[in-house]
Amino acid sequence: MSQAIQYNSSVAMIRHPHFLQRAADLTPALQRLRQTPQAIVEAVAEPGALNGWRGNTVCTPEQFYQQPLNVGDSIIIDFGSHFVGYLQFSCRSVGSPPDAPAPSALHLRRDAERSL
C-alpha cells in the first residue's frame, strides 16, 4: 500500500475499508507451473538475430546436472520461451561437507549482451 512507501506528515491518509476489501476480492490467485530447462546455452553475437545475439546449445540439462560448479563458473539456462515469475533451485555439496556455508551469488540477466 502507498502509505507503507510514502510518508507526508501534512497529509492524512484515509483508508476506505470498502475499497480495500474490493481490492482484496479482486486479487487473482497465483498460478504455479513448473518449467524445466530445455538447454544450457552460450550467447553468441549474430547481427541478424533478435537483439544481435543467439544461443548455441552447450549441453542438455541432464548432462549439466552431472557436472559440479566451481568458483567463477557461470551458465545460461534456456527455458525455451519467455516466462515471468520466480526462480527456485537447490544446491548440494559434493564430497565432504563444508565447515561453513558456501558464499554464493545469483545474477539474473535480462539479455545476452550483459551476460558476456
PDB file of N, CA and C in Angstrom:
ATOM      1  N   MET A   1       0.836  -1.185   0.000  1.00  0.00           N
ATOM      2  CA  MET A   1       0.000   0.000   0.000  1.00  0.00           C
ATOM      3  C   MET A   1       0.875   1.240   0.000  1.00  0.00           C
ATOM      4  N   SER A   2       0.327   2.299  -0.512  1.00  0.00           N
ATOM      5  CA  SER A   2       1.124   3.518  -0.670  1.00  0.00           C
ATOM      6  C   SER A   2       1.555   4.108   0.662  1.00  0.00           C
ATOM      7  N   GLN A   3       0.749   3.951   1.716  1.00  0.00           N
ATOM      8  CA  GLN A   3       1.147   4.557   2.987  1.00  0.00           C
ATOM      9  C   GLN A   3       2.370   3.858   3.575  1.00  0.00           C
ATOM     10  N   ALA A   4       2.663   2.653   3.129  1.00  0.00           N
ATOM     11  CA  ALA A   4       3.863   1.968   3.596  1.00  0.00           C
ATOM     12  C   ALA A   4       5.100   2.465   2.860  1.00  0.00           C
ATOM     13  N   ILE A   5       4.930   3.064   1.700  1.00  0.00           N
ATOM     14  CA  ILE A   5       6.049   3.523   0.887  1.00  0.00           C
ATOM     15  C   ILE A   5       6.279   5.017   1.040  1.00  0.00           C
ATOM     16  N   GLN A   6       5.210   5.788   0.993  1.00  0.00           N
ATOM     17  CA  GLN A   6       5.314   7.240   1.038  1.00  0.00           C
ATOM     18  C   GLN A   6       4.869   7.746   2.407  1.00  0.00           C
ATOM     19  N   TYR A   7       5.493   8.824   2.826  1.00  0.00           N
ATOM     20  CA  TYR A   7       5.106   9.413   4.099  1.00  0.00           C
ATOM     21  C   TYR A   7       5.133  10.924   3.964  1.00  0.00           C
ATOM     22  N   ASN A   8       4.016  11.545   4.271  1.00  0.00           N
ATOM     23  CA  ASN A   8       3.904  13.001   4.270  1.00  0.00           C
ATOM     24  C   ASN A   8       3.087  13.363   5.500  1.00  0.00           C
ATOM     25  N   SER A   9       3.741  13.947   6.498  1.00  0.00           N
ATOM     26  CA  SER A   9       3.078  14.222   7.772  1.00  0.00           C
ATOM     27  C   SER A   9       1.962  15.255   7.655  1.00  0.00           C
ATOM     28  N   SER A  10       1.934  16.042   6.594  1.00  0.00           N
ATOM     29  CA  SER A  10       0.891  17.060   6.457  1.00  0.00           C
ATOM     30  C   SER A  10      -0.360  16.530   5.747  1.00  0.00           C
ATOM     31  N   VAL A  11      -0.322  15.289   5.306  1.00  0.00           N
ATOM     32  CA  VAL A  11      -1.474  14.705   4.618  1.00  0.00           C
ATOM     33  C   VAL A  11      -1.995  13.541   5.453  1.00  0.00           C
ATOM     34  N   ALA A  12      -3.289  13.567   5.722  1.00  0.00           N
ATOM     35  CA  ALA A  12      -3.904  12.470   6.474  1.00  0.00           C
ATOM     36  C   ALA A  12      -4.316  11.375   5.490  1.00  0.00           C
ATOM     37  N   MET A  13      -3.840  10.169   5.740  1.00  0.00           N
ATOM     38  CA  MET A  13      -4.186   9.043   4.882  1.00  0.00           C
ATOM     39  C   MET A  13      -5.570   8.551   5.270  1.00  0.00           C
ATOM     40  N   ILE A  14      -6.446   8.473   4.305  1.00  0.00           N
ATOM     41  CA  ILE A  14      -7.804   7.994   4.551  1.00  0.00           C
ATOM     42  C   ILE A  14      -7.911   6.581   3.989  1.00  0.00           C
ATOM     43  N   ARG A  15      -8.268   5.665   4.849  1.00  0.00           N
ATOM     44  CA  ARG A  15      -8.439   4.276   4.419  1.00  0.00           C
ATOM     45  C   ARG A  15      -9.923   4.008   4.226  1.00  0.00           C
ATOM     46  N   HIS A  16     -10.267   3.501   3.082  1.00  0.00           N
ATOM     47  CA  HIS A  16     -11.648   3.152   2.771  1.00  0.00           C
ATOM     48  C   HIS A  16     -11.775   1.630   2.827  1.00  0.00           C
ATOM     49  N   PRO A  17     -12.341   1.099   3.909  1.00  0.00           N
ATOM     50  CA  PRO A  17     -12.433  -0.352   4.059  1.00  0.00           C
ATOM     51  C   PRO A  17     -13.122  -1.033   2.877  1.00  0.00           C
ATOM     52  N   HIS A  18     -14.141  -0.394   2.317  1.00  0.00           N
ATOM     53  CA  HIS A  18     -14.845  -0.988   1.178  1.00  0.00           C
ATOM     54  C   HIS A  18     -13.892  -1.151  -0.016  1.00  0.00           C
ATOM     55  N   PHE A  19     -13.090  -0.127  -0.288  1.00  0.00           N
ATOM     56  CA  PHE A  19     -12.137  -0.202  -1.400  1.00  0.00           C
ATOM     57  C   PHE A  19     -11.068  -1.262  -1.139  1.00  0.00           C
ATOM     58  N   LEU A  20     -10.595  -1.314   0.103  1.00  0.00           N
ATOM     59  CA  LEU A  20      -9.579  -2.298   0.450  1.00  0.00           C
ATOM     60  C   LEU A  20     -10.115  -3.720   0.307  1.00  0.00           C
ATOM     61  N   GLN A  21     -11.362  -3.940   0.734  1.00  0.00           N
ATOM     62  CA  GLN A  21     -11.957  -5.262   0.605  1.00  0.00           C
ATOM     63  C   GLN A  21     -12.166  -5.618  -0.862  1.00  0.00           C
ATOM     64  N   ARG A  22     -12.601  -4.641  -1.642  1.00  0.00           N
ATOM     65  CA  ARG A  22     -12.815  -4.871  -3.083  1.00  0.00           C
ATOM     66  C   ARG A  22     -11.497  -5.252  -3.760  1.00  0.00           C
ATOM     67  N   ALA A  23     -10.421  -4.556  -3.410  1.00  0.00           N
ATOM     68  CA  ALA A  23      -9.109  -4.878  -3.975  1.00  0.00           C
ATOM     69  C   ALA A  23      -8.679  -6.290  -3.574  1.00  0.00           C
ATOM     70  N   ALA A  24      -8.906  -6.650  -2.320  1.00  0.00           N
ATOM     71  CA  ALA A  24      -8.558  -7.995  -1.855  1.00  0.00           C
ATOM     72  C   ALA A  24      -9.376  -9.050  -2.589  1.00  0.00           C
ATOM     73  N   ASP A  25     -10.657  -8.770  -2.827  1.00  0.00           N
ATOM     74  CA  ASP A  25     -11.518  -9.715  -3.538  1.00  0.00           C
ATOM     75  C   ASP A  25     -11.087  -9.907  -4.988  1.00  0.00           C
ATOM     76  N   LEU A  26     -10.515  -8.876  -5.590  1.00  0.00           N
ATOM     77  CA  LEU A  26     -10.120  -8.937  -6.996  1.00  0.00           C
ATOM     78  C   LEU A  26      -8.683  -9.417  -7.205  1.00  0.00           C
ATOM     79  N   THR A  27      -7.974  -9.687  -6.121  1.00  0.00           N
ATOM     80  CA  THR A  27      -6.604 -10.179  -6.253  1.00  0.00           C
ATOM     81  C   THR A  27      -6.639 -11.565  -6.885  1.00  0.00           C
ATOM     82  N   PRO A  28      -5.970 -11.738  -8.022  1.00  0.00           N
ATOM     83  CA  PRO A  28      -6.017 -13.044  -8.689  1.00  0.00           C
ATOM     84  C   PRO A  28      -5.219 -14.095  -7.926  1.00  0.00           C
ATOM     85  N   ALA A  29      -5.608 -15.334  -8.110  1.00  0.00           N
ATOM     86  CA  ALA A  29      -4.884 -16.444  -7.492  1.00  0.00           C
ATOM     87  C   ALA A  29      -3.563 -16.641  -8.232  1.00  0.00           C
ATOM     88  N   LEU A  30      -2.514 -16.930  -7.488  1.00  0.00           N
ATOM     89  CA  LEU A  30      -1.211 -17.181  -8.076  1.00  0.00           C
ATOM     90  C   LEU A  30      -1.247 -18.510  -8.813  1.00  0.00           C
ATOM     91  N   GLN A  31      -0.835 -18.487 -10.060  1.00  0.00           N
ATOM     92  CA  GLN A  31      -0.798 -19.716 -10.846  1.00  0.00           C
ATOM     93  C   GLN A  31       0.611 -20.283 -10.799  1.00  0.00           C
ATOM     94  N   ARG A  32       0.701 -21.551 -10.506  1.00  0.00           N
ATOM     95  CA  ARG A  32       2.008 -22.202 -10.422  1.00  0.00           C
ATOM     96  C   ARG A  32       2.133 -23.212 -11.555  1.00  0.00           C
ATOM     97  N   LEU A  33       3.238 -23.101 -12.262  1.00  0.00           N
ATOM     98  CA  LEU A  33       3.510 -24.016 -13.362  1.00  0.00           C
ATOM     99  C   LEU A  33       5.008 -24.264 -13.392  1.00  0.00           C
ATOM    100  N   ARG A  34       5.397 -25.492 -13.220  1.00  0.00           N
ATOM    101  CA  ARG A  34       6.820 -25.819 -13.215  1.00  0.00           C
ATOM    102  C   ARG A  34       7.327 -25.852 -14.654  1.00  0.00           C
ATOM    103  N   GLN A  35       8.395 -25.119 -14.896  1.00  0.00           N
ATOM    104  CA  GLN A  35       9.038 -25.096 -16.204  1.00  0.00           C
ATOM    105  C   GLN A  35      10.436 -25.673 -16.050  1.00  0.00           C
ATOM    106  N   THR A  36      10.767 -26.622 -16.872  1.00  0.00           N
ATOM    107  CA  THR A  36      12.095 -27.223 -16.798  1.00  0.00           C
ATOM    108  C   THR A  36      12.982 -26.650 -17.895  1.00  0.00           C
ATOM    109  N   PRO A  37      14.269 -26.575 -17.642  1.00  0.00           N
ATOM    110  CA  PRO A  37      15.188 -26.057 -18.658  1.00  0.00           C
ATOM    111  C   PRO A  37      15.169 -26.929 -19.908  1.00  0.00           C
ATOM    112  N   GLN A  38      15.309 -26.282 -21.062  1.00  0.00           N
ATOM    113  CA  GLN A  38      15.366 -27.003 -22.327  1.00  0.00           C
ATOM    114  C   GLN A  38      16.811 -27.262 -22.743  1.00  0.00           C
ATOM    115  N   ALA A  39      17.705 -26.333 -22.388  1.00  0.00           N
ATOM    116  CA  ALA A  39      19.111 -26.474 -22.773  1.00  0.00           C
ATOM    117  C   ALA A  39      19.971 -25.533 -21.943  1.00  0.00           C
ATOM    118  N   ILE A  40      21.246 -25.829 -21.912  1.00  0.00           N
ATOM    119  CA  ILE A  40      22.251 -24.916 -21.381  1.00  0.00           C
ATOM    120  C   ILE A  40      22.917 -24.322 -22.617  1.00  0.00           C
ATOM    121  N   VAL A  41      22.954 -22.998 -22.692  1.00  0.00           N
ATOM    122  CA  VAL A  41      23.428 -22.346 -23.917  1.00  0.00           C
ATOM    123  C   VAL A  41      24.548 -21.359 -23.615  1.00  0.00           C
ATOM    124  N   GLU A  42      25.212 -20.935 -24.684  1.00  0.00           N
ATOM    125  CA  GLU A  42      26.158 -19.832 -24.609  1.00  0.00           C
ATOM    126  C   GLU A  42      25.670 -18.767 -25.578  1.00  0.00           C
ATOM    127  N   ALA A  43      25.851 -17.516 -25.229  1.00  0.00           N
ATOM    128  CA  ALA A  43      25.420 -16.409 -26.081  1.00  0.00           C
ATOM    129  C   ALA A  43      26.498 -16.125 -27.119  1.00  0.00           C
ATOM    130  N   VAL A  44      26.053 -16.037 -28.378  1.00  0.00           N
ATOM    131  CA  VAL A  44      26.964 -15.779 -29.488  1.00  0.00           C
ATOM    132  C   VAL A  44      26.436 -14.582 -30.258  1.00  0.00           C
ATOM    133  N   ALA A  45      27.318 -13.611 -30.527  1.00  0.00           N
ATOM    134  CA  ALA A  45      26.910 -12.429 -31.288  1.00  0.00           C
ATOM    135  C   ALA A  45      26.562 -12.832 -32.715  1.00  0.00           C
ATOM    136  N   GLU A  46      25.396 -12.360 -33.167  1.00  0.00           N
ATOM    137  CA  GLU A  46      24.964 -12.599 -34.545  1.00  0.00           C
ATOM    138  C   GLU A  46      24.121 -11.407 -34.974  1.00  0.00           C
ATOM    139  N   PRO A  47      24.643 -10.573 -35.870  1.00  0.00           N
ATOM    140  CA  PRO A  47      23.946  -9.340 -36.252  1.00  0.00           C
ATOM    141  C   PRO A  47      22.516  -9.545 -36.743  1.00  0.00           C
ATOM    142  N   GLY A  48      22.223 -10.644 -37.417  1.00  0.00           N
ATOM    143  CA  GLY A  48      20.884 -10.864 -37.956  1.00  0.00           C
ATOM    144  C   GLY A  48      19.877 -11.405 -36.954  1.00  0.00           C
ATOM    145  N   ALA A  49      20.325 -11.799 -35.780  1.00  0.00           N
ATOM    146  CA  ALA A  49      19.432 -12.389 -34.777  1.00  0.00           C
ATOM    147  C   ALA A  49      18.747 -11.297 -33.960  1.00  0.00           C
ATOM    148  N   LEU A  50      17.699 -11.684 -33.253  1.00  0.00           N
ATOM    149  CA  LEU A  50      16.979 -10.765 -32.382  1.00  0.00           C
ATOM    150  C   LEU A  50      17.937 -10.164 -31.359  1.00  0.00           C
ATOM    151  N   ASN A  51      17.986  -8.853 -31.272  1.00  0.00           N
ATOM    152  CA  ASN A  51      18.889  -8.126 -30.378  1.00  0.00           C
ATOM    153  C   ASN A  51      20.366  -8.399 -30.652  1.00  0.00           C
ATOM    154  N   GLY A  52      20.670  -9.026 -31.789  1.00  0.00           N
ATOM    155  CA  GLY A  52      22.060  -9.253 -32.167  1.00  0.00           C
ATOM    156  C   GLY A  52      22.733 -10.434 -31.493  1.00  0.00           C
ATOM    157  N   TRP A  53      21.943 -11.307 -30.853  1.00  0.00           N
ATOM    158  CA  TRP A  53      22.506 -12.460 -30.149  1.00  0.00           C
ATOM    159  C   TRP A  53      21.672 -13.697 -30.419  1.00  0.00           C
ATOM    160  N   ARG A  54      22.319 -14.844 -30.362  1.00  0.00           N
ATOM    161  CA  ARG A  54      21.607 -16.119 -30.416  1.00  0.00           C
ATOM    162  C   ARG A  54      22.249 -17.060 -29.405  1.00  0.00           C
ATOM    163  N   GLY A  55      21.530 -18.097 -29.052  1.00  0.00           N
ATOM    164  CA  GLY A  55      22.057 -19.063 -28.093  1.00  0.00           C
ATOM    165  C   GLY A  55      22.495 -20.337 -28.780  1.00  0.00           C
ATOM    166  N   ASN A  56      23.724 -20.745 -28.555  1.00  0.00           N
ATOM    167  CA  ASN A  56      24.228 -22.032 -29.031  1.00  0.00           C
ATOM    168  C   ASN A  56      24.117 -23.034 -27.895  1.00  0.00           C
ATOM    169  N   THR A  57      23.532 -24.178 -28.177  1.00  0.00           N
ATOM    170  CA  THR A  57      23.401 -25.206 -27.147  1.00  0.00           C
ATOM    171  C   THR A  57      24.776 -25.738 -26.761  1.00  0.00           C
ATOM    172  N   VAL A  58      25.051 -25.731 -25.465  1.00  0.00           N
ATOM    173  CA  VAL A  58      26.308 -26.257 -24.929  1.00  0.00           C
ATOM    174  C   VAL A  58      26.103 -27.705 -24.501  1.00  0.00           C
ATOM    175  N   CYS A  59      24.999 -27.964 -23.797  1.00  0.00           N
ATOM    176  CA  CYS A  59      24.685 -29.316 -23.358  1.00  0.00           C
ATOM    177  C   CYS A  59      23.219 -29.382 -22.947  1.00  0.00           C
ATOM    178  N   THR A  60      22.751 -30.574 -22.697  1.00  0.00           N
ATOM    179  CA  THR A  60      21.385 -30.757 -22.213  1.00  0.00           C
ATOM    180  C   THR A  60      21.376 -30.522 -20.707  1.00  0.00           C
ATOM    181  N   PRO A  61      20.208 -30.245 -20.141  1.00  0.00           N
ATOM    182  CA  PRO A  61      20.150 -30.105 -18.679  1.00  0.00           C
ATOM    183  C   PRO A  61      20.633 -31.364 -17.958  1.00  0.00           C
ATOM    184  N   GLU A  62      20.302 -32.531 -18.495  1.00  0.00           N
ATOM    185  CA  GLU A  62      20.717 -33.781 -17.850  1.00  0.00           C
ATOM    186  C   GLU A  62      22.236 -33.898 -17.802  1.00  0.00           C
ATOM    187  N   GLN A  63      22.904 -33.489 -18.893  1.00  0.00           N
ATOM    188  CA  GLN A  63      24.367 -33.506 -18.896  1.00  0.00           C
ATOM    189  C   GLN A  63      24.916 -32.493 -17.893  1.00  0.00           C
ATOM    190  N   PHE A  64      24.290 -31.329 -17.829  1.00  0.00           N
ATOM    191  CA  PHE A  64      24.748 -30.286 -16.911  1.00  0.00           C
ATOM    192  C   PHE A  64      24.613 -30.726 -15.456  1.00  0.00           C
ATOM    193  N   TYR A  65      23.533 -31.437 -15.134  1.00  0.00           N
ATOM    194  CA  TYR A  65      23.300 -31.859 -13.752  1.00  0.00           C
ATOM    195  C   TYR A  65      24.414 -32.771 -13.229  1.00  0.00           C
ATOM    196  N   GLN A  66      25.156 -33.403 -14.114  1.00  0.00           N
ATOM    197  CA  GLN A  66      26.224 -34.316 -13.710  1.00  0.00           C
ATOM    198  C   GLN A  66      27.549 -33.597 -13.453  1.00  0.00           C
ATOM    199  N   GLN A  67      27.606 -32.276 -13.745  1.00  0.00           N
ATOM    200  CA  GLN A  67      28.845 -31.519 -13.600  1.00  0.00           C
ATOM    201  C   GLN A  67      28.796 -30.650 -12.345  1.00  0.00           C
ATOM    202  N   PRO A  68      29.833 -30.676 -11.533  1.00  0.00           N
ATOM    203  CA  PRO A  68      29.865 -29.746 -10.401  1.00  0.00           C
ATOM    204  C   PRO A  68      30.197 -28.337 -10.890  1.00  0.00           C
ATOM    205  N   LEU A  69      29.664 -27.335 -10.209  1.00  0.00           N
ATOM    206  CA  LEU A  69      30.011 -25.941 -10.499  1.00  0.00           C
ATOM    207  C   LEU A  69      31.171 -25.542  -9.607  1.00  0.00           C
ATOM    208  N   ASN A  70      32.116 -24.843 -10.174  1.00  0.00           N
ATOM    209  CA  ASN A  70      33.276 -24.374  -9.428  1.00  0.00           C
ATOM    210  C   ASN A  70      33.227 -22.864  -9.293  1.00  0.00           C
ATOM    211  N   VAL A  71      34.090 -22.313  -8.472  1.00  0.00           N
ATOM    212  CA  VAL A  71      34.164 -20.870  -8.268  1.00  0.00           C
ATOM    213  C   VAL A  71      34.358 -20.182  -9.619  1.00  0.00           C
ATOM    214  N   GLY A  72      33.533 -19.176  -9.876  1.00  0.00           N
ATOM    215  CA  GLY A  72      33.645 -18.413 -11.111  1.00  0.00           C
ATOM    216  C   GLY A  72      32.879 -18.985 -12.287  1.00  0.00           C
ATOM    217  N   ASP A  73      32.320 -20.181 -12.154  1.00  0.00           N
ATOM    218  CA  ASP A  73      31.535 -20.762 -13.244  1.00  0.00           C
ATOM    219  C   ASP A  73      30.250 -19.976 -13.438  1.00  0.00           C
ATOM    220  N   SER A  74      29.798 -19.910 -14.667  1.00  0.00           N
ATOM    221  CA  SER A  74      28.511 -19.278 -14.952  1.00  0.00           C
ATOM    222  C   SER A  74      27.810 -20.089 -16.028  1.00  0.00           C
ATOM    223  N   ILE A  75      26.489 -20.008 -16.016  1.00  0.00           N
ATOM    224  CA  ILE A  75      25.696 -20.737 -17.007  1.00  0.00           C
ATOM    225  C   ILE A  75      24.561 -19.851 -17.484  1.00  0.00           C
ATOM    226  N   ILE A  76      24.072 -20.160 -18.675  1.00  0.00           N
ATOM    227  CA  ILE A  76      22.864 -19.531 -19.198  1.00  0.00           C
ATOM    228  C   ILE A  76      21.871 -20.658 -19.420  1.00  0.00           C
ATOM    229  N   ILE A  77      20.754 -20.598 -18.727  1.00  0.00           N
ATOM    230  CA  ILE A  77      19.722 -21.629 -18.820  1.00  0.00           C
ATOM    231  C   ILE A  77      18.653 -21.154 -19.789  1.00  0.00           C
ATOM    232  N   ASP A  78      18.360 -21.974 -20.800  1.00  0.00           N
ATOM    233  CA  ASP A  78      17.331 -21.652 -21.789  1.00  0.00           C
ATOM    234  C   ASP A  78      16.071 -22.447 -21.451  1.00  0.00           C
ATOM    235  N   PHE A  79      14.996 -21.722 -21.135  1.00  0.00           N
ATOM    236  CA  PHE A  79      13.726 -22.376 -20.832  1.00  0.00           C
ATOM    237  C   PHE A  79      12.859 -22.540 -22.073  1.00  0.00           C
ATOM    238  N   GLY A  80      13.340 -22.089 -23.227  1.00  0.00           N
ATOM    239  CA  GLY A  80      12.631 -22.297 -24.482  1.00  0.00           C
ATOM    240  C   GLY A  80      11.551 -21.291 -24.782  1.00  0.00           C
ATOM    241  N   SER A  81      11.242 -20.412 -23.849  1.00  0.00           N
ATOM    242  CA  SER A  81      10.208 -19.405 -24.050  1.00  0.00           C
ATOM    243  C   SER A  81      10.427 -18.299 -23.030  1.00  0.00           C
ATOM    244  N   HIS A  82       9.550 -17.305 -23.064  1.00  0.00           N
ATOM    245  CA  HIS A  82       9.622 -16.200 -22.108  1.00  0.00           C
ATOM    246  C   HIS A  82       8.666 -16.497 -20.961  1.00  0.00           C
ATOM    247  N   PHE A  83       9.170 -16.453 -19.744  1.00  0.00           N
ATOM    248  CA  PHE A  83       8.339 -16.697 -18.574  1.00  0.00           C
ATOM    249  C   PHE A  83       8.522 -15.563 -17.577  1.00  0.00           C
ATOM    250  N   VAL A  84       7.501 -15.317 -16.801  1.00  0.00           N
ATOM    251  CA  VAL A  84       7.543 -14.314 -15.745  1.00  0.00           C
ATOM    252  C   VAL A  84       7.219 -15.029 -14.447  1.00  0.00           C
ATOM    253  N   GLY A  85       8.003 -14.770 -13.419  1.00  0.00           N
ATOM    254  CA  GLY A  85       7.702 -15.407 -12.148  1.00  0.00           C
ATOM    255  C   GLY A  85       8.922 -15.525 -11.277  1.00  0.00           C
ATOM    256  N   TYR A  86       8.995 -16.608 -10.537  1.00  0.00           N
ATOM    257  CA  TYR A  86      10.057 -16.833  -9.575  1.00  0.00           C
ATOM    258  C   TYR A  86      10.915 -17.998 -10.027  1.00  0.00           C
ATOM    259  N   LEU A  87      12.182 -17.928  -9.696  1.00  0.00           N
ATOM    260  CA  LEU A  87      13.118 -18.999  -9.988  1.00  0.00           C
ATOM    261  C   LEU A  87      13.470 -19.681  -8.676  1.00  0.00           C
ATOM    262  N   GLN A  88      13.347 -20.986  -8.655  1.00  0.00           N
ATOM    263  CA  GLN A  88      13.673 -21.745  -7.452  1.00  0.00           C
ATOM    264  C   GLN A  88      14.597 -22.885  -7.846  1.00  0.00           C
ATOM    265  N   PHE A  89      15.645 -23.073  -7.086  1.00  0.00           N
ATOM    266  CA  PHE A  89      16.567 -24.166  -7.344  1.00  0.00           C
ATOM    267  C   PHE A  89      17.201 -24.594  -6.029  1.00  0.00           C
ATOM    268  N   SER A  90      17.835 -25.742  -6.045  1.00  0.00           N
ATOM    269  CA  SER A  90      18.516 -26.210  -4.836  1.00  0.00           C
ATOM    270  C   SER A  90      19.943 -26.607  -5.192  1.00  0.00           C
ATOM    271  N   CYS A  91      20.809 -26.499  -4.208  1.00  0.00           N
ATOM    272  CA  CYS A  91      22.218 -26.858  -4.369  1.00  0.00           C
ATOM    273  C   CYS A  91      22.582 -27.849  -3.282  1.00  0.00           C
ATOM    274  N   ARG A  92      23.519 -28.702  -3.588  1.00  0.00           N
ATOM    275  CA  ARG A  92      24.021 -29.607  -2.566  1.00  0.00           C
ATOM    276  C   ARG A  92      25.530 -29.709  -2.706  1.00  0.00           C
ATOM    277  N   SER A  93      26.172 -30.033  -1.610  1.00  0.00           N
ATOM    278  CA  SER A  93      27.630 -30.138  -1.642  1.00  0.00           C
ATOM    279  C   SER A  93      28.037 -31.468  -2.254  1.00  0.00           C
ATOM    280  N   VAL A  94      29.224 -31.485  -2.802  1.00  0.00           N
ATOM    281  CA  VAL A  94      29.783 -32.705  -3.378  1.00  0.00           C
ATOM    282  C   VAL A  94      31.043 -33.026  -2.589  1.00  0.00           C
ATOM    283  N   GLY A  95      31.192 -34.256  -2.171  1.00  0.00           N
ATOM    284  CA  GLY A  95      32.363 -34.632  -1.382  1.00  0.00           C
ATOM    285  C   GLY A  95      32.087 -34.432   0.094  1.00  0.00           C
ATOM    286  N   SER A  96      33.139 -34.109   0.846  1.00  0.00           N
ATOM    287  CA  SER A  96      32.969 -33.925   2.284  1.00  0.00           C
ATOM    288  C   SER A  96      32.204 -32.634   2.556  1.00  0.00           C
ATOM    289  N   PRO A  97      31.385 -32.621   3.602  1.00  0.00           N
ATOM    290  CA  PRO A  97      30.596 -31.423   3.896  1.00  0.00           C
ATOM    291  C   PRO A  97      31.494 -30.245   4.266  1.00  0.00           C
ATOM    292  N   PRO A  98      31.124 -29.041   3.849  1.00  0.00           N
ATOM    293  CA  PRO A  98      31.935 -27.870   4.173  1.00  0.00           C
ATOM    294  C   PRO A  98      31.813 -27.504   5.652  1.00  0.00           C
ATOM    295  N   ASP A  99      32.835 -26.793   6.163  1.00  0.00           N
ATOM    296  CA  ASP A  99      32.830 -26.355   7.557  1.00  0.00           C
ATOM    297  C   ASP A  99      31.940 -25.146   7.775  1.00  0.00           C
ATOM    298  N   ALA A 100      31.672 -24.396   6.722  1.00  0.00           N
ATOM    299  CA  ALA A 100      30.884 -23.168   6.834  1.00  0.00           C
ATOM    300  C   ALA A 100      30.005 -23.041   5.592  1.00  0.00           C
ATOM    301  N   PRO A 101      28.993 -22.201   5.673  1.00  0.00           N
ATOM    302  CA  PRO A 101      28.148 -22.001   4.492  1.00  0.00           C
ATOM    303  C   PRO A 101      28.973 -21.489   3.313  1.00  0.00           C
ATOM    304  N   ALA A 102      28.653 -21.967   2.153  1.00  0.00           N
ATOM    305  CA  ALA A 102      29.363 -21.537   0.945  1.00  0.00           C
ATOM    306  C   ALA A 102      28.828 -20.193   0.482  1.00  0.00           C
ATOM    307  N   PRO A 103      29.718 -19.245   0.209  1.00  0.00           N
ATOM    308  CA  PRO A 103      29.242 -17.970  -0.339  1.00  0.00           C
ATOM    309  C   PRO A 103      28.720 -18.202  -1.751  1.00  0.00           C
ATOM    310  N   SER A 104      27.621 -17.576  -2.072  1.00  0.00           N
ATOM    311  CA  SER A 104      27.054 -17.772  -3.403  1.00  0.00           C
ATOM    312  C   SER A 104      26.419 -16.483  -3.880  1.00  0.00           C
ATOM    313  N   ALA A 105      26.265 -16.394  -5.167  1.00  0.00           N
ATOM    314  CA  ALA A 105      25.615 -15.231  -5.768  1.00  0.00           C
ATOM    315  C   ALA A 105      24.842 -15.698  -6.986  1.00  0.00           C
ATOM    316  N   LEU A 106      23.673 -15.145  -7.166  1.00  0.00           N
ATOM    317  CA  LEU A 106      22.848 -15.452  -8.325  1.00  0.00           C
ATOM    318  C   LEU A 106      22.625 -14.152  -9.071  1.00  0.00           C
ATOM    319  N   HIS A 107      23.020 -14.133 -10.314  1.00  0.00           N
ATOM    320  CA  HIS A 107      22.847 -12.946 -11.144  1.00  0.00           C
ATOM    321  C   HIS A 107      21.890 -13.299 -12.269  1.00  0.00           C
ATOM    322  N   LEU A 108      20.760 -12.622 -12.320  1.00  0.00           N
ATOM    323  CA  LEU A 108      19.804 -12.830 -13.399  1.00  0.00           C
ATOM    324  C   LEU A 108      20.014 -11.734 -14.421  1.00  0.00           C
ATOM    325  N   ARG A 109      20.103 -12.104 -15.666  1.00  0.00           N
ATOM    326  CA  ARG A 109      20.364 -11.144 -16.733  1.00  0.00           C
ATOM    327  C   ARG A 109      19.152 -11.034 -17.639  1.00  0.00           C
ATOM    328  N   ARG A 110      18.865  -9.800 -18.069  1.00  0.00           N
ATOM    329  CA  ARG A 110      17.747  -9.566 -18.985  1.00  0.00           C
ATOM    330  C   ARG A 110      18.099  -9.936 -20.409  1.00  0.00           C
ATOM    331  N   ASP A 111      19.336  -9.752 -20.791  1.00  0.00           N
ATOM    332  CA  ASP A 111      19.691 -10.025 -22.174  1.00  0.00           C
ATOM    333  C   ASP A 111      21.077 -10.649 -22.242  1.00  0.00           C
ATOM    334  N   ALA A 112      21.355 -11.245 -23.379  1.00  0.00           N
ATOM    335  CA  ALA A 112      22.612 -11.966 -23.533  1.00  0.00           C
ATOM    336  C   ALA A 112      23.809 -11.034 -23.525  1.00  0.00           C
ATOM    337  N   GLU A 113      23.656  -9.808 -23.984  1.00  0.00           N
ATOM    338  CA  GLU A 113      24.785  -8.882 -24.069  1.00  0.00           C
ATOM    339  C   GLU A 113      25.408  -8.645 -22.708  1.00  0.00           C
ATOM    340  N   ARG A 114      24.598  -8.513 -21.680  1.00  0.00           N
ATOM    341  CA  ARG A 114      25.117  -8.248 -20.336  1.00  0.00           C
ATOM    342  C   ARG A 114      25.768  -9.471 -19.722  1.00  0.00           C
ATOM    343  N   SER A 115      25.407 -10.659 -20.179  1.00  0.00           N
ATOM    344  CA  SER A 115      25.933 -11.864 -19.547  1.00  0.00           C
ATOM    345  C   SER A 115      27.263 -12.302 -20.142  1.00  0.00           C
ATOM    346  N   LEU A 116      27.731 -11.616 -21.167  1.00  0.00           N
ATOM    347  CA  LEU A 116      29.028 -11.982 -21.743  1.00  0.00           C
ATOM    348  C   LEU A 116      30.145 -11.200 -21.103  1.00  0.00           C
TER     349      LEU A 116
END
